[in-house]
C-alpha atoms as a PDB file:
ATOM      1  CA  UNK A   1      30.836  11.673  41.687  1.00  0.00           C
ATOM      2  CA  UNK A   2      31.252  13.348  38.085  1.00  0.00           C
ATOM      3  CA  UNK A   3      29.557   9.589  36.743  1.00  0.00           C
ATOM      4  CA  UNK A   4      26.457   9.912  38.920  1.00  0.00           C
ATOM      5  CA  UNK A   5      26.153  14.216  38.501  1.00  0.00           C
ATOM      6  CA  UNK A   6      26.500  12.530  34.765  1.00  0.00           C
ATOM      7  CA  UNK A   7      24.119  10.063  34.992  1.00  0.00           C
ATOM      8  CA  UNK A   8      21.453  12.211  36.532  1.00  0.00           C
ATOM      9  CA  UNK A   9      21.548  14.859  33.921  1.00  0.00           C
ATOM     10  CA  UNK A  10      20.975  11.863  31.197  1.00  0.00           C
ATOM     11  CA  UNK A  11      17.967  11.078  32.968  1.00  0.00           C
ATOM     12  CA  UNK A  12      16.460  14.368  33.433  1.00  0.00           C
ATOM     13  CA  UNK A  13      17.036  14.692  29.699  1.00  0.00           C
ATOM     14  CA  UNK A  14      15.915  11.300  28.515  1.00  0.00           C
ATOM     15  CA  UNK A  15      12.674  12.279  30.716  1.00  0.00           C
ATOM     16  CA  UNK A  16      12.024  15.145  29.043  1.00  0.00           C
ATOM     17  CA  UNK A  17      12.780  13.334  25.090  1.00  0.00           C
ATOM     18  CA  UNK A  18      10.547  12.537  22.270  1.00  0.00           C
ATOM     19  CA  UNK A  19      10.429   8.212  21.996  1.00  0.00           C
ATOM     20  CA  UNK A  20      12.488   8.933  18.639  1.00  0.00           C
ATOM     21  CA  UNK A  21      15.288  11.053  20.216  1.00  0.00           C
ATOM     22  CA  UNK A  22      15.241   8.428  23.014  1.00  0.00           C
ATOM     23  CA  UNK A  23      15.723   5.370  20.097  1.00  0.00           C
ATOM     24  CA  UNK A  24      18.793   7.836  18.757  1.00  0.00           C
ATOM     25  CA  UNK A  25      20.374   8.173  21.635  1.00  0.00           C
ATOM     26  CA  UNK A  26      20.088   4.235  22.387  1.00  0.00           C
ATOM     27  CA  UNK A  27      21.799   3.640  19.240  1.00  0.00           C
ATOM     28  CA  UNK A  28      24.510   5.760  19.810  1.00  0.00           C
ATOM     29  CA  UNK A  29      25.559   4.232  22.765  1.00  0.00           C
ATOM     30  CA  UNK A  30      25.819   1.177  20.659  1.00  0.00           C
ATOM     31  CA  UNK A  31      28.921   3.142  18.832  1.00  0.00           C
ATOM     32  CA  UNK A  32      28.668   3.041  15.049  1.00  0.00           C
ATOM     33  CA  UNK A  33      31.506   4.199  12.579  1.00  0.00           C
ATOM     34  CA  UNK A  34      28.912   3.939   9.250  1.00  0.00           C
ATOM     35  CA  UNK A  35      26.880   7.145  10.924  1.00  0.00           C
ATOM     36  CA  UNK A  36      29.601   9.937  10.287  1.00  0.00           C
ATOM     37  CA  UNK A  37      28.840  11.915   6.974  1.00  0.00           C
ATOM     38  CA  UNK A  38      29.310  14.768   5.195  1.00  0.00           C
ATOM     39  CA  UNK A  39      30.303  18.256   7.311  1.00  0.00           C
ATOM     40  CA  UNK A  40      30.464  15.835  10.135  1.00  0.00           C
ATOM     41  CA  UNK A  41      33.139  14.121   9.011  1.00  0.00           C
ATOM     42  CA  UNK A  42      34.807  17.243   8.077  1.00  0.00           C
ATOM     43  CA  UNK A  43      34.575  18.343  11.801  1.00  0.00           C
ATOM     44  CA  UNK A  44      35.810  14.529  13.134  1.00  0.00           C
ATOM     45  CA  UNK A  45      38.397  14.963  10.599  1.00  0.00           C
ATOM     46  CA  UNK A  46      39.839  18.338  11.742  1.00  0.00           C
ATOM     47  CA  UNK A  47      39.311  17.577  14.931  1.00  0.00           C
ATOM     48  CA  UNK A  48      41.403  13.643  15.028  1.00  0.00           C
ATOM     49  CA  UNK A  49      43.902  15.719  12.771  1.00  0.00           C
ATOM     50  CA  UNK A  50      44.684  18.599  15.818  1.00  0.00           C
ATOM     51  CA  UNK A  51      44.750  16.146  18.375  1.00  0.00           C
ATOM     52  CA  UNK A  52      47.310  14.056  16.680  1.00  0.00           C
ATOM     53  CA  UNK A  53      48.887  17.064  15.578  1.00  0.00           C
ATOM     54  CA  UNK A  54      49.398  18.028  19.582  1.00  0.00           C
ATOM     55  CA  UNK A  55      49.610  14.625  20.791  1.00  0.00           C
ATOM     56  CA  UNK A  56      52.868  14.171  18.339  1.00  0.00           C
ATOM     57  CA  UNK A  57      54.155  17.777  19.793  1.00  0.00           C
ATOM     58  CA  UNK A  58      53.995  16.830  22.901  1.00  0.00           C
ATOM     59  CA  UNK A  59      56.055  13.438  22.354  1.00  0.00           C
ATOM     60  CA  UNK A  60      59.177  14.729  23.255  1.00  0.00           C
ATOM     61  CA  UNK A  61      57.952  16.278  26.686  1.00  0.00           C
ATOM     62  CA  UNK A  62      55.689  13.145  27.612  1.00  0.00           C
ATOM     63  CA  UNK A  63      59.300  11.298  27.279  1.00  0.00           C
ATOM     64  CA  UNK A  64      60.898  13.373  29.210  1.00  0.00           C
ATOM     65  CA  UNK A  65      58.155  12.581  32.146  1.00  0.00           C
ATOM     66  CA  UNK A  66      58.609   9.697  31.596  1.00  0.00           C
ATOM     67  CA  UNK A  67      61.997   9.495  33.546  1.00  0.00           C
ATOM     68  CA  UNK A  68      60.347  11.983  36.514  1.00  0.00           C
ATOM     69  CA  UNK A  69      59.234  15.580  37.284  1.00  0.00           C
ATOM     70  CA  UNK A  70      62.685  16.517  37.855  1.00  0.00           C
ATOM     71  CA  UNK A  71      64.532  15.359  35.360  1.00  0.00           C
ATOM     72  CA  UNK A  72      61.763  17.099  32.653  1.00  0.00           C
ATOM     73  CA  UNK A  73      61.877  20.031  34.544  1.00  0.00           C
ATOM     74  CA  UNK A  74      65.775  20.319  34.108  1.00  0.00           C
ATOM     75  CA  UNK A  75      65.298  19.767  30.653  1.00  0.00           C
ATOM     76  CA  UNK A  76      63.334  23.016  30.582  1.00  0.00           C
ATOM     77  CA  UNK A  77      59.488  21.093  30.499  1.00  0.00           C
ATOM     78  CA  UNK A  78      56.702  23.415  31.768  1.00  0.00           C
ATOM     79  CA  UNK A  79      54.899  20.417  33.744  1.00  0.00           C
ATOM     80  CA  UNK A  80      51.720  22.342  34.629  1.00  0.00           C
ATOM     81  CA  UNK A  81      51.331  23.429  30.865  1.00  0.00           C
ATOM     82  CA  UNK A  82      52.272  20.386  29.638  1.00  0.00           C
ATOM     83  CA  UNK A  83      49.733  18.376  31.664  1.00  0.00           C
ATOM     84  CA  UNK A  84      47.080  20.549  31.073  1.00  0.00           C
ATOM     85  CA  UNK A  85      47.734  20.949  27.369  1.00  0.00           C
ATOM     86  CA  UNK A  86      47.941  16.799  26.743  1.00  0.00           C
ATOM     87  CA  UNK A  87      44.629  16.909  29.059  1.00  0.00           C
ATOM     88  CA  UNK A  88      43.029  18.959  26.210  1.00  0.00           C
ATOM     89  CA  UNK A  89      44.366  17.237  23.509  1.00  0.00           C
ATOM     90  CA  UNK A  90      42.894  14.243  24.979  1.00  0.00           C
ATOM     91  CA  UNK A  91      39.715  15.617  25.349  1.00  0.00           C
ATOM     92  CA  UNK A  92      39.793  16.472  21.889  1.00  0.00           C
ATOM     93  CA  UNK A  93      40.191  13.124  20.665  1.00  0.00           C
ATOM     94  CA  UNK A  94      38.215  11.195  22.948  1.00  0.00           C
ATOM     95  CA  UNK A  95      35.384  13.865  22.822  1.00  0.00           C
ATOM     96  CA  UNK A  96      35.339  13.959  19.044  1.00  0.00           C
ATOM     97  CA  UNK A  97      35.406  10.113  18.145  1.00  0.00           C
ATOM     98  CA  UNK A  98      32.379   9.582  21.017  1.00  0.00           C
ATOM     99  CA  UNK A  99      30.403  12.224  19.664  1.00  0.00           C
ATOM    100  CA  UNK A 100      30.427  11.088  16.774  1.00  0.00           C
ATOM    101  CA  UNK A 101      30.955   7.565  16.450  1.00  0.00           C
ATOM    102  CA  UNK A 102      29.691   6.520  20.246  1.00  0.00           C
ATOM    103  CA  UNK A 103      31.625   5.547  22.988  1.00  0.00           C
ATOM    104  CA  UNK A 104      34.253   3.017  22.224  1.00  0.00           C
ATOM    105  CA  UNK A 105      34.820   0.926  25.227  1.00  0.00           C
ATOM    106  CA  UNK A 106      38.315   0.024  25.919  1.00  0.00           C
ATOM    107  CA  UNK A 107      40.060   1.015  22.686  1.00  0.00           C
ATOM    108  CA  UNK A 108      41.419   4.344  24.196  1.00  0.00           C
ATOM    109  CA  UNK A 109      42.267   2.102  27.298  1.00  0.00           C
ATOM    110  CA  UNK A 110      43.764  -1.195  25.967  1.00  0.00           C
ATOM    111  CA  UNK A 111      45.643  -0.274  22.183  1.00  0.00           C
ATOM    112  CA  UNK A 112      48.242   2.210  23.844  1.00  0.00           C
ATOM    113  CA  UNK A 113      49.239  -0.533  26.499  1.00  0.00           C
ATOM    114  CA  UNK A 114      49.008  -3.074  23.770  1.00  0.00           C
ATOM    115  CA  UNK A 115      51.399  -1.194  21.583  1.00  0.00           C
ATOM    116  CA  UNK A 116      53.840  -0.794  24.459  1.00  0.00           C
ATOM    117  CA  UNK A 117      53.905  -4.702  24.900  1.00  0.00           C
ATOM    118  CA  UNK A 118      54.050  -5.264  20.887  1.00  0.00           C
ATOM    119  CA  UNK A 119      56.735  -2.015  20.593  1.00  0.00           C
ATOM    120  CA  UNK A 120      58.573  -3.398  23.606  1.00  0.00           C
ATOM    121  CA  UNK A 121      58.899   0.939  24.318  1.00  0.00           C
ATOM    122  CA  UNK A 122      57.542   3.823  25.634  1.00  0.00           C
ATOM    123  CA  UNK A 123      59.037   6.035  23.475  1.00  0.00           C
ATOM    124  CA  UNK A 124      56.146   8.479  22.408  1.00  0.00           C
ATOM    125  CA  UNK A 125      57.818   9.021  19.114  1.00  0.00           C
ATOM    126  CA  UNK A 126      56.782   5.211  18.016  1.00  0.00           C
ATOM    127  CA  UNK A 127      53.844   4.773  20.365  1.00  0.00           C
ATOM    128  CA  UNK A 128      52.235   7.841  18.929  1.00  0.00           C
ATOM    129  CA  UNK A 129      51.982   6.176  15.517  1.00  0.00           C
ATOM    130  CA  UNK A 130      52.057   2.559  16.570  1.00  0.00           C
ATOM    131  CA  UNK A 131      48.596   3.486  18.627  1.00  0.00           C
ATOM    132  CA  UNK A 132      46.780   5.034  15.440  1.00  0.00           C
ATOM    133  CA  UNK A 133      47.659   2.711  13.273  1.00  0.00           C
ATOM    134  CA  UNK A 134      46.912  -0.331  16.329  1.00  0.00           C
ATOM    135  CA  UNK A 135      43.572   1.309  17.059  1.00  0.00           C
ATOM    136  CA  UNK A 136      43.126   1.207  13.279  1.00  0.00           C
ATOM    137  CA  UNK A 137      43.200  -2.086  12.880  1.00  0.00           C
ATOM    138  CA  UNK A 138      41.356  -3.198  15.835  1.00  0.00           C
ATOM    139  CA  UNK A 139      38.571  -1.053  15.213  1.00  0.00           C
ATOM    140  CA  UNK A 140      38.343  -2.438  11.633  1.00  0.00           C
ATOM    141  CA  UNK A 141      38.427  -6.093  12.653  1.00  0.00           C
ATOM    142  CA  UNK A 142      36.039  -4.855  15.495  1.00  0.00           C
ATOM    143  CA  UNK A 143      33.621  -3.613  12.544  1.00  0.00           C
ATOM    144  CA  UNK A 144      34.010  -6.575  10.530  1.00  0.00           C
ATOM    145  CA  UNK A 145      33.149  -9.076  13.245  1.00  0.00           C
ATOM    146  CA  UNK A 146      29.810  -6.834  14.514  1.00  0.00           C
ATOM    147  CA  UNK A 147      28.587  -7.369  10.464  1.00  0.00           C
ATOM    148  CA  UNK A 148      26.925 -10.493  11.187  1.00  0.00           C
ATOM    149  CA  UNK A 149      27.535 -12.865   7.679  1.00  0.00           C
ATOM    150  CA  UNK A 150      24.555 -13.848   5.969  1.00  0.00           C
ATOM    151  CA  UNK A 151      22.611 -11.207   7.473  1.00  0.00           C
ATOM    152  CA  UNK A 152      21.439  -7.628   7.466  1.00  0.00           C
ATOM    153  CA  UNK A 153      21.710  -7.201  11.217  1.00  0.00           C
ATOM    154  CA  UNK A 154      24.956  -5.153  12.987  1.00  0.00           C
ATOM    155  CA  UNK A 155      25.975  -6.313  16.671  1.00  0.00           C
ATOM    156  CA  UNK A 156      26.842  -2.917  18.391  1.00  0.00           C
ATOM    157  CA  UNK A 157      30.410  -2.383  17.837  1.00  0.00           C
ATOM    158  CA  UNK A 158      30.607  -1.174  21.614  1.00  0.00           C
ATOM    159  CA  UNK A 159      29.915  -4.557  22.452  1.00  0.00           C
ATOM    160  CA  UNK A 160      32.828  -6.102  20.457  1.00  0.00           C
ATOM    161  CA  UNK A 161      35.137  -3.459  21.284  1.00  0.00           C
ATOM    162  CA  UNK A 162      34.203  -4.329  24.867  1.00  0.00           C
ATOM    163  CA  UNK A 163      34.446  -8.424  24.564  1.00  0.00           C
ATOM    164  CA  UNK A 164      38.392  -8.311  22.887  1.00  0.00           C
ATOM    165  CA  UNK A 165      39.095  -5.170  25.270  1.00  0.00           C
ATOM    166  CA  UNK A 166      37.686  -6.306  28.514  1.00  0.00           C
ATOM    167  CA  UNK A 167      39.715  -9.164  28.720  1.00  0.00           C
ATOM    168  CA  UNK A 168      43.038  -7.482  27.234  1.00  0.00           C
ATOM    169  CA  UNK A 169      42.885  -4.850  29.933  1.00  0.00           C
ATOM    170  CA  UNK A 170      42.604  -7.391  32.661  1.00  0.00           C
ATOM    171  CA  UNK A 171      45.498 -10.193  31.418  1.00  0.00           C
ATOM    172  CA  UNK A 172      47.432  -6.478  31.782  1.00  0.00           C
ATOM    173  CA  UNK A 173      46.394  -5.616  34.912  1.00  0.00           C
ATOM    174  CA  UNK A 174      47.090  -9.439  36.075  1.00  0.00           C
ATOM    175  CA  UNK A 175      50.353  -9.287  34.516  1.00  0.00           C
ATOM    176  CA  UNK A 176      51.556  -5.826  36.598  1.00  0.00           C
ATOM    177  CA  UNK A 177      50.150  -7.134  39.514  1.00  0.00           C
ATOM    178  CA  UNK A 178      52.435 -10.488  38.936  1.00  0.00           C
ATOM    179  CA  UNK A 179      55.152  -8.113  38.184  1.00  0.00           C
ATOM    180  CA  UNK A 180      54.673  -6.113  41.033  1.00  0.00           C
ATOM    181  CA  UNK A 181      54.695  -9.241  43.371  1.00  0.00           C
ATOM    182  CA  UNK A 182      58.101 -10.440  41.956  1.00  0.00           C
ATOM    183  CA  UNK A 183      59.622  -7.325  42.552  1.00  0.00           C
ATOM    184  CA  UNK A 184      58.391  -7.329  46.249  1.00  0.00           C
END
């Protein structure tokens, strides 16, 4: 329902927009790592640093939550405030990147799972830096792939991230489904 409401609002805004504004919106939906300049870069950097600092700050409570709510409560973790603040931190990170670079599909979904598989841990003190490094590496590779060699044209980076991310997420889902069947 939220998606339908958002889609309706975007449609109304597009209807009342000028052609150049619609073109800018369409290009934004393709995703672009090179469109952030000057003051925008400062704002994006601050938002990302605040979000990453918050994520690091909550790595210990998140580790406690991995063992269940009862265990986390016994360790002094305030479950409701931790959840709320983690949602806010996630919104800051995802919102800032999406606002400035466009919707970069599957990076936020696939990278944490890939990091867990590669580093074979659920410890957030390891996973948070691993996700930062792996995410930067994958985005750089996607950006390189999107630059068509010998051409001045660039493929939408959102398409490249989807082409690489969707199969990764599908493989993870199939693997998890097969694991759950083997325990049944």
